[in-house]
């Protein structure tokens, strides 16, 4: 059944006892710890929300651990978004609740990865990898985060389909090397993707990607033809079944709009995207996918963040291959981490690639039109997507003119 827990309103203050689960690796300075947490109950009543925490107590919090503590909670509007924060006083009464086996495994895995990043990579590269592979963007220096944001490359820092696809591929190939049979190999790879999605946190983008991997894996197990639109729709229905309010989440809207835009773009036949040399085919497909995403999500980014990034289509041509290499070498680094010599060699290569990503993001952010301030309203948003729907139907009619399909079938797909 869907969760019956109450979600706090846009303007609300609560003081009392909270039960919450730590959802990010705590960062400690001289005054307090800062982390993100999922509030489970407030004053003994269910309260479902993710919040930032300023923790002034002396109790060191652990990743994925659950605590009961006294605190002050507040929520307010800021730039079309609801900001929530929990404040825990220095002498607040606190209690750690028992952890599940899965939480302990995920917590130890995250700390092991954070440790090898710290030991074998330079500081900037280690923080970058903690952000792009563990989903811990709070580790990124503010200037690096600003560079990716101004370049329109924040999608690379969000755990999404690229990460999940590479996790599945690496596990699948590794098990094939170990001569594991096809069906057990696929099941183990999908379980690994599920564990990774839990490790990096329950966000719409990574849950959508993990569920789509699971749906595709199930079709392969049943020897059926994969249906991308069905997989996308099923993943969305599952997420909304457990939390219908995610429909209003900007991350949910951006993630599904981006993937739907790519799927719809490739439904237009007659585009010669798979002809020519292999490298040229790869570049054409990266450009076309980036262009579809730009068309699909630009109004949403302007509505929520008041920015449009006109050069991100071209930046992705260089950044996506480089970023794919970063994730691939990261898996090699993790597998070699048991050997100091091999870990040092692979860590040096990983640091070089990570720094190259950061420099390329800074270069893209410094170009004209990389980030343009744009502010739109909800009526423009509705009109834009209505026009896109009509244009898509006309494009299918033009490029698929030999099929003589009725207009209703062309528009629906």
Protein backbone atom coordinates (compact mmCIF):
# COMPACT_ATOMS: atom_id res chain seq x y z
CA UNK A 1 0.00 0.00 0.00
CA UNK A 2 1.17 3.58 -0.52
CA UNK A 3 2.72 5.31 2.43
CA UNK A 4 0.16 7.00 4.72
CA UNK A 5 2.79 9.15 6.37
CA UNK A 6 2.11 12.87 6.41
CA UNK A 7 4.34 15.22 4.43
CA UNK A 8 5.11 18.58 6.07
CA UNK A 9 3.59 21.68 4.49
CA UNK A 10 5.60 24.43 2.83
CA UNK A 11 5.59 26.58 5.99
CA UNK A 12 5.74 24.57 9.17
CA UNK A 13 7.69 24.40 12.44
CA UNK A 14 7.83 21.37 14.72
CA UNK A 15 9.70 21.02 17.99
CA UNK A 16 10.02 17.72 19.85
CA UNK A 17 11.30 14.18 19.40
CA UNK A 18 12.21 12.91 15.91
CA UNK A 19 13.16 9.51 14.51
CA UNK A 20 15.30 9.84 11.40
CA UNK A 21 17.66 7.86 9.18
CA UNK A 22 20.98 9.38 8.04
CA UNK A 23 21.04 9.44 4.23
CA UNK A 24 24.42 11.05 3.55
CA UNK A 25 27.92 10.70 4.95
CA UNK A 26 28.11 13.31 7.77
CA UNK A 27 30.53 16.19 7.30
CA UNK A 28 31.96 17.57 10.56
CA UNK A 29 33.51 20.96 11.21
CA UNK A 30 34.49 22.64 14.48
CA UNK A 31 30.89 23.52 15.37
CA UNK A 32 28.55 20.86 13.99
CA UNK A 33 27.87 17.91 11.74
CA UNK A 34 25.96 18.43 8.50
CA UNK A 35 24.13 15.66 6.67
CA UNK A 36 20.83 14.73 5.05
CA UNK A 37 18.26 12.52 6.74
CA UNK A 38 14.87 10.95 6.12
CA UNK A 39 12.50 11.86 8.94
CA UNK A 40 10.36 8.86 9.88
CA UNK A 41 8.34 10.22 12.81
CA UNK A 42 7.90 13.55 14.59
CA UNK A 43 6.44 13.61 18.11
CA UNK A 44 5.56 9.95 17.68
CA UNK A 45 3.51 10.55 14.50
CA UNK A 46 4.56 9.53 10.97
CA UNK A 47 6.22 12.33 8.99
CA UNK A 48 7.72 11.51 5.59
CA UNK A 49 10.33 13.89 4.18
CA UNK A 50 14.00 14.35 3.39
CA UNK A 51 15.71 17.20 5.22
CA UNK A 52 19.09 18.83 5.75
CA UNK A 53 20.37 18.51 9.33
CA UNK A 54 22.55 20.85 11.37
CA UNK A 55 23.64 18.66 14.28
CA UNK A 56 25.44 20.44 17.14
CA UNK A 57 25.47 17.42 19.43
CA UNK A 58 28.59 15.45 20.29
CA UNK A 59 27.17 12.15 19.04
CA UNK A 60 28.98 11.18 15.83
CA UNK A 61 26.36 10.08 13.32
CA UNK A 62 26.90 7.12 10.97
CA UNK A 63 25.74 6.70 7.40
CA UNK A 64 22.41 4.78 7.09
CA UNK A 65 22.01 4.56 10.88
CA UNK A 66 18.67 5.40 12.54
CA UNK A 67 18.42 7.75 15.56
CA UNK A 68 15.85 9.12 17.96
CA UNK A 69 16.64 12.70 18.98
CA UNK A 70 15.15 15.96 20.20
CA UNK A 71 15.24 18.78 17.68
CA UNK A 72 13.58 21.70 15.89
CA UNK A 73 12.26 21.25 12.35
CA UNK A 74 11.27 24.00 9.90
CA UNK A 75 10.26 24.21 6.24
CA UNK A 76 9.86 27.21 3.92
CA UNK A 77 9.69 28.18 0.22
CA UNK A 78 12.82 29.34 -1.60
CA UNK A 79 13.07 29.76 -5.42
CA UNK A 80 10.00 27.63 -6.22
CA UNK A 81 11.24 24.83 -3.95
CA UNK A 82 10.52 23.72 -0.40
CA UNK A 83 13.59 23.83 1.84
CA UNK A 84 13.56 21.77 5.04
CA UNK A 85 16.04 21.70 7.91
CA UNK A 86 16.31 19.92 11.25
CA UNK A 87 18.32 21.52 14.05
CA UNK A 88 19.72 19.32 16.86
CA UNK A 89 20.98 21.13 19.95
CA UNK A 90 24.28 20.41 21.68
CA UNK A 91 22.70 18.76 24.73
CA UNK A 92 19.75 17.13 22.98
CA UNK A 93 18.76 13.69 24.21
CA UNK A 94 19.61 11.04 21.62
CA UNK A 95 19.39 7.29 21.09
CA UNK A 96 20.65 5.08 18.28
CA UNK A 97 18.11 2.51 17.12
CA UNK A 98 19.04 -1.02 15.91
CA UNK A 99 20.27 -1.26 12.31
CA UNK A 100 19.22 -3.82 9.73
CA UNK A 101 21.76 -6.14 8.09
CA UNK A 102 21.32 -4.43 4.72
CA UNK A 103 21.98 -1.00 6.24
CA UNK A 104 25.18 -2.21 7.92
CA UNK A 105 26.45 -3.75 4.66
CA UNK A 106 25.72 -0.60 2.67
CA UNK A 107 27.28 1.63 5.34
CA UNK A 108 30.50 -0.40 5.45
CA UNK A 109 30.68 -0.45 1.65
CA UNK A 110 30.31 3.34 1.44
CA UNK A 111 33.02 3.93 4.06
CA UNK A 112 35.37 1.47 2.35
CA UNK A 113 34.97 3.28 -0.98
CA UNK A 114 35.40 6.66 0.70
CA UNK A 115 38.57 5.36 2.39
CA UNK A 116 40.24 4.10 -0.80
CA UNK A 117 39.34 7.36 -2.58
CA UNK A 118 41.05 9.26 0.24
CA UNK A 119 44.10 6.96 0.33
CA UNK A 120 44.88 6.61 -3.39
CA UNK A 121 43.43 9.72 -5.08
CA UNK A 122 44.25 13.37 -4.62
CA UNK A 123 41.79 15.36 -2.52
CA UNK A 124 39.83 16.97 -5.37
CA UNK A 125 39.58 13.74 -7.38
CA UNK A 126 38.57 11.75 -4.30
CA UNK A 127 35.75 14.17 -3.54
CA UNK A 128 34.69 14.15 -7.18
CA UNK A 129 34.47 10.34 -7.24
CA UNK A 130 32.55 10.30 -3.96
CA UNK A 131 30.06 12.64 -5.64
CA UNK A 132 29.68 10.91 -9.01
CA UNK A 133 29.80 7.28 -7.82
CA UNK A 134 28.37 7.40 -4.30
CA UNK A 135 25.95 10.24 -4.95
CA UNK A 136 27.51 12.35 -2.21
CA UNK A 137 27.53 15.76 -3.90
CA UNK A 138 27.99 17.44 -0.54
CA UNK A 139 31.69 16.41 -0.76
CA UNK A 140 32.25 18.50 -3.88
CA UNK A 141 33.95 21.87 -3.34
CA UNK A 142 31.48 24.71 -4.01
CA UNK A 143 33.49 25.98 -7.00
CA UNK A 144 33.42 22.55 -8.70
CA UNK A 145 29.68 22.21 -8.14
CA UNK A 146 29.16 25.74 -9.51
CA UNK A 147 31.27 24.91 -12.59
CA UNK A 148 29.14 21.87 -13.46
CA UNK A 149 25.94 23.82 -12.78
CA UNK A 150 26.93 26.77 -15.00
CA UNK A 151 28.02 24.38 -17.79
CA UNK A 152 24.69 22.54 -17.68
CA UNK A 153 26.42 19.28 -16.75
CA UNK A 154 24.78 18.60 -13.39
CA UNK A 155 23.12 15.53 -14.91
CA UNK A 156 26.52 13.81 -14.81
CA UNK A 157 26.66 14.23 -11.03
CA UNK A 158 23.26 12.60 -10.55
CA UNK A 159 23.28 8.81 -10.25
CA UNK A 160 21.23 7.74 -13.26
CA UNK A 161 21.06 5.41 -16.24
CA UNK A 162 24.72 5.73 -17.20
CA UNK A 163 25.86 4.57 -13.75
CA UNK A 164 23.29 1.77 -13.50
CA UNK A 165 24.03 0.55 -17.01
CA UNK A 166 27.77 0.41 -16.36
CA UNK A 167 27.27 -1.36 -13.00
CA UNK A 168 25.13 -3.97 -14.76
CA UNK A 169 27.59 -4.38 -17.64
CA UNK A 170 30.66 -4.72 -15.38
CA UNK A 171 29.01 -7.27 -13.09
CA UNK A 172 27.65 -9.19 -16.06
CA UNK A 173 31.07 -9.35 -17.79
CA UNK A 174 32.87 -10.24 -14.56
CA UNK A 175 30.48 -13.14 -13.90
CA UNK A 176 30.84 -14.26 -17.52
CA UNK A 177 34.62 -14.33 -17.02
CA UNK A 178 34.03 -16.53 -13.96
CA UNK A 179 31.94 -18.86 -16.20
CA UNK A 180 28.65 -18.28 -14.40
CA UNK A 181 25.66 -19.38 -16.48
CA UNK A 182 23.51 -16.79 -18.24
CA UNK A 183 20.40 -16.73 -16.04
CA UNK A 184 22.22 -16.72 -12.65
CA UNK A 185 24.62 -14.15 -14.10
CA UNK A 186 21.78 -11.82 -15.04
CA UNK A 187 20.00 -12.27 -11.70
CA UNK A 188 23.18 -11.54 -9.70
CA UNK A 189 23.90 -8.45 -11.85
CA UNK A 190 20.39 -7.12 -11.22
CA UNK A 191 20.73 -7.73 -7.48
CA UNK A 192 24.00 -5.80 -7.61
CA UNK A 193 22.22 -2.88 -9.31
CA UNK A 194 19.55 -2.96 -6.59
CA UNK A 195 22.20 -2.84 -3.86
CA UNK A 196 23.96 0.04 -5.63
CA UNK A 197 20.68 1.99 -5.90
CA UNK A 198 20.15 1.51 -2.14
CA UNK A 199 23.76 2.53 -1.45
CA UNK A 200 23.57 5.86 -3.29
CA UNK A 201 20.17 6.82 -1.85
CA UNK A 202 16.53 6.64 -2.88
CA UNK A 203 16.29 9.43 -5.45
CA UNK A 204 13.96 9.46 -8.50
CA UNK A 205 16.75 9.33 -11.11
CA UNK A 206 18.59 6.31 -9.71
CA UNK A 207 15.40 4.46 -8.74
CA UNK A 208 14.02 5.02 -12.24
CA UNK A 209 17.24 3.67 -13.80
CA UNK A 210 17.39 0.68 -11.42
CA UNK A 211 13.75 -0.24 -12.06
CA UNK A 212 14.23 0.02 -15.81
CA UNK A 213 17.28 -2.26 -15.57
CA UNK A 214 15.16 -4.72 -13.58
CA UNK A 215 12.34 -4.61 -16.16
CA UNK A 216 14.75 -5.12 -19.07
CA UNK A 217 16.47 -7.93 -17.18
CA UNK A 218 13.13 -9.62 -16.58
CA UNK A 219 12.30 -9.44 -20.31
CA UNK A 220 15.63 -11.08 -21.13
CA UNK A 221 14.97 -13.82 -18.56
CA UNK A 222 11.55 -14.45 -20.11
CA UNK A 223 13.03 -14.23 -23.64
CA UNK A 224 10.74 -11.37 -24.64
CA UNK A 225 11.45 -8.32 -26.77
CA UNK A 226 12.27 -5.27 -24.60
CA UNK A 227 9.76 -2.39 -24.78
CA UNK A 228 11.46 0.86 -23.64
CA UNK A 229 8.22 2.85 -23.23
CA UNK A 230 6.65 0.07 -21.18
CA UNK A 231 9.73 -0.15 -18.95
CA UNK A 232 9.75 3.63 -18.43
CA UNK A 233 6.03 3.76 -17.67
CA UNK A 234 6.14 0.76 -15.32
CA UNK A 235 9.04 2.23 -13.35
CA UNK A 236 7.12 5.52 -12.98
CA UNK A 237 3.95 3.75 -11.82
CA UNK A 238 5.90 1.76 -9.21
CA UNK A 239 7.56 4.88 -7.80
CA UNK A 240 4.29 6.83 -7.70
CA UNK A 241 2.50 3.87 -6.09
CA UNK A 242 4.79 4.09 -3.07
CA UNK A 243 5.01 7.90 -3.01
CA UNK A 244 2.50 9.80 -5.23
CA UNK A 245 3.99 13.15 -4.17
CA UNK A 246 7.11 12.39 -6.20
CA UNK A 247 5.10 13.54 -9.22
CA UNK A 248 5.73 17.12 -8.02
CA UNK A 249 9.45 16.44 -7.41
CA UNK A 250 11.68 18.37 -9.89
CA UNK A 251 14.15 15.45 -10.00
CA UNK A 252 11.36 13.03 -10.93
CA UNK A 253 10.07 15.34 -13.67
CA UNK A 254 13.52 16.04 -15.12
CA UNK A 255 14.59 12.38 -15.08
CA UNK A 256 11.48 11.04 -16.79
CA UNK A 257 11.27 13.96 -19.24
CA UNK A 258 14.88 13.40 -20.31
CA UNK A 259 14.48 9.67 -20.93
CA UNK A 260 11.09 10.09 -22.61
CA UNK A 261 12.58 12.75 -24.92
CA UNK A 262 15.33 10.35 -26.02
CA UNK A 263 12.87 7.50 -26.61
CA UNK A 264 10.55 9.74 -28.64
CA UNK A 265 13.45 11.14 -30.66
CA UNK A 266 14.58 7.69 -31.72
CA UNK A 267 11.00 6.83 -32.73
CA UNK A 268 11.35 9.22 -35.68
CA UNK A 269 12.65 6.99 -38.46
CA UNK A 270 14.66 8.14 -41.44
CA UNK A 271 17.37 9.72 -39.27
CA UNK A 272 20.73 8.31 -40.40
CA UNK A 273 22.24 7.95 -36.94
CA UNK A 274 23.76 4.50 -37.36
CA UNK A 275 25.60 4.90 -40.66
CA UNK A 276 29.29 5.66 -41.09
CA UNK A 277 32.43 4.80 -39.07
CA UNK A 278 31.98 3.61 -35.48
CA UNK A 279 33.34 6.77 -33.89
CA UNK A 280 31.14 8.97 -36.07
CA UNK A 281 28.07 6.90 -35.16
CA UNK A 282 28.88 7.32 -31.46
CA UNK A 283 29.31 11.10 -31.82
CA UNK A 284 26.07 11.44 -33.81
CA UNK A 285 24.12 9.48 -31.23
CA UNK A 286 25.55 11.47 -28.31
CA UNK A 287 24.67 14.72 -30.09
CA UNK A 288 21.18 13.56 -31.01
CA UNK A 289 20.43 12.23 -27.52
CA UNK A 290 21.72 15.46 -25.95
CA UNK A 291 19.64 17.52 -28.38
CA UNK A 292 16.50 15.53 -27.51
CA UNK A 293 17.15 16.00 -23.79
CA UNK A 294 17.74 19.73 -24.31
CA UNK A 295 14.41 20.06 -26.12
CA UNK A 296 12.64 17.97 -23.46
CA UNK A 297 13.90 19.47 -20.20
CA UNK A 298 15.01 23.04 -20.96
CA UNK A 299 11.62 24.56 -20.00
CA UNK A 300 11.65 22.61 -16.73
CA UNK A 301 15.15 23.83 -15.84
CA UNK A 302 14.07 27.40 -16.68
CA UNK A 303 10.93 27.03 -14.55
CA UNK A 304 12.63 25.52 -11.49
CA UNK A 305 16.17 26.96 -11.67
CA UNK A 306 15.68 30.04 -13.93
CA UNK A 307 18.51 28.96 -16.25
CA UNK A 308 18.92 27.51 -19.74
CA UNK A 309 22.13 25.93 -21.01
CA UNK A 310 22.42 26.30 -24.78
CA UNK A 311 25.90 24.78 -25.12
CA UNK A 312 25.29 21.62 -23.13
CA UNK A 313 24.47 19.71 -26.35
CA UNK A 314 28.01 20.35 -27.62
CA UNK A 315 29.70 19.94 -24.22
CA UNK A 316 28.22 16.44 -23.91
CA UNK A 317 30.05 15.32 -27.08
CA UNK A 318 33.33 15.58 -25.18
CA UNK A 319 32.12 15.11 -21.63
CA UNK A 320 30.06 11.91 -21.95
CA UNK A 321 32.89 9.75 -23.45
CA UNK A 322 35.30 11.16 -20.85
CA UNK A 323 32.83 10.58 -18.03
CA UNK A 324 32.17 7.02 -19.25
CA UNK A 325 35.93 6.40 -19.10
CA UNK A 326 35.97 7.76 -15.51
CA UNK A 327 33.24 5.34 -14.38
CA UNK A 328 34.87 2.39 -16.20
CA UNK A 329 38.32 3.07 -14.68
CA UNK A 330 36.64 3.53 -11.30
CA UNK A 331 35.43 -0.09 -11.43
CA UNK A 332 38.97 -1.25 -12.28
CA UNK A 333 40.30 0.82 -9.38
CA UNK A 334 37.81 -0.75 -6.94
CA UNK A 335 38.67 -4.28 -8.11
CA UNK A 336 42.41 -3.52 -7.74
CA UNK A 337 42.04 -1.81 -4.35
CA UNK A 338 43.19 -4.95 -2.49
CA UNK A 339 46.68 -4.48 -3.98
CA UNK A 340 48.50 -1.24 -3.03
CA UNK A 341 50.59 -1.28 -6.21
CA UNK A 342 47.69 -1.89 -8.60
CA UNK A 343 45.47 0.52 -6.65
CA UNK A 344 48.13 3.24 -6.90
CA UNK A 345 48.50 2.71 -10.68
CA UNK A 346 44.77 2.69 -11.41
CA UNK A 347 44.18 5.50 -8.89
CA UNK A 348 46.68 7.73 -10.71
CA UNK A 349 44.84 7.17 -13.98
CA UNK A 350 41.48 7.78 -12.28
CA UNK A 351 42.75 11.03 -10.74
CA UNK A 352 43.94 12.22 -14.14
CA UNK A 353 40.56 11.52 -15.78
CA UNK A 354 38.61 13.07 -12.88
CA UNK A 355 40.67 16.27 -13.06
CA UNK A 356 40.14 16.34 -16.84
CA UNK A 357 36.36 16.20 -16.28
CA UNK A 358 36.53 19.09 -13.82
CA UNK A 359 38.68 21.22 -16.14
CA UNK A 360 36.41 20.55 -19.10
CA UNK A 361 33.39 21.57 -17.00
CA UNK A 362 35.14 24.82 -16.02
CA UNK A 363 36.04 25.48 -19.67
CA UNK A 364 32.43 24.91 -20.78
CA UNK A 365 31.11 27.12 -17.98
CA UNK A 366 33.30 29.99 -19.16
CA UNK A 367 31.94 30.01 -22.72
CA UNK A 368 29.27 32.54 -23.82
CA UNK A 369 25.67 31.29 -23.58
CA UNK A 370 26.69 28.43 -21.32
CA UNK A 371 24.14 29.60 -18.73
CA UNK A 372 21.44 32.13 -19.60
CA UNK A 373 19.01 33.50 -17.04
CA UNK A 374 15.46 32.72 -18.14
CA UNK A 375 12.26 32.87 -16.12
CA UNK A 376 9.01 31.30 -17.38
CA UNK A 377 5.60 30.60 -15.90
CA UNK A 378 3.40 27.51 -15.84
CA UNK A 379 1.30 28.67 -18.83
CA UNK A 380 4.38 28.89 -21.05
CA UNK A 381 5.36 25.41 -19.85
CA UNK A 382 1.99 23.92 -20.85
CA UNK A 383 2.03 25.68 -24.23
CA UNK A 384 5.59 24.56 -24.97
CA UNK A 385 4.93 20.87 -24.34
CA UNK A 386 1.69 21.04 -26.32
CA UNK A 387 3.64 22.46 -29.28
CA UNK A 388 6.34 19.78 -28.90
CA UNK A 389 3.67 17.07 -29.01
CA UNK A 390 2.24 18.47 -32.28
CA UNK A 391 5.73 18.89 -33.83
CA UNK A 392 6.62 15.31 -32.93
CA UNK A 393 3.50 14.06 -34.71
CA UNK A 394 4.36 16.11 -37.82
CA UNK A 395 7.95 14.83 -37.84
CA UNK A 396 6.76 11.24 -37.66
CA UNK A 397 4.35 11.95 -40.50
CA UNK A 398 7.15 13.41 -42.66
CA UNK A 399 9.90 10.85 -41.93
CA UNK A 400 7.55 7.83 -41.85
CA UNK A 401 5.50 8.89 -44.85
CA UNK A 402 5.93 5.52 -46.55
CA UNK A 403 4.07 3.68 -43.82
CA UNK A 404 0.67 5.40 -44.43
CA UNK A 405 -0.19 5.35 -40.74
CA UNK A 406 -3.27 7.19 -39.44
CA UNK A 407 -2.56 10.42 -37.55
CA UNK A 408 -3.78 8.96 -34.23
CA UNK A 409 -1.26 6.11 -34.44
CA UNK A 410 1.52 8.48 -35.48
CA UNK A 411 0.97 10.76 -32.48
CA UNK A 412 0.67 7.93 -29.98
CA UNK A 413 3.60 6.00 -31.44
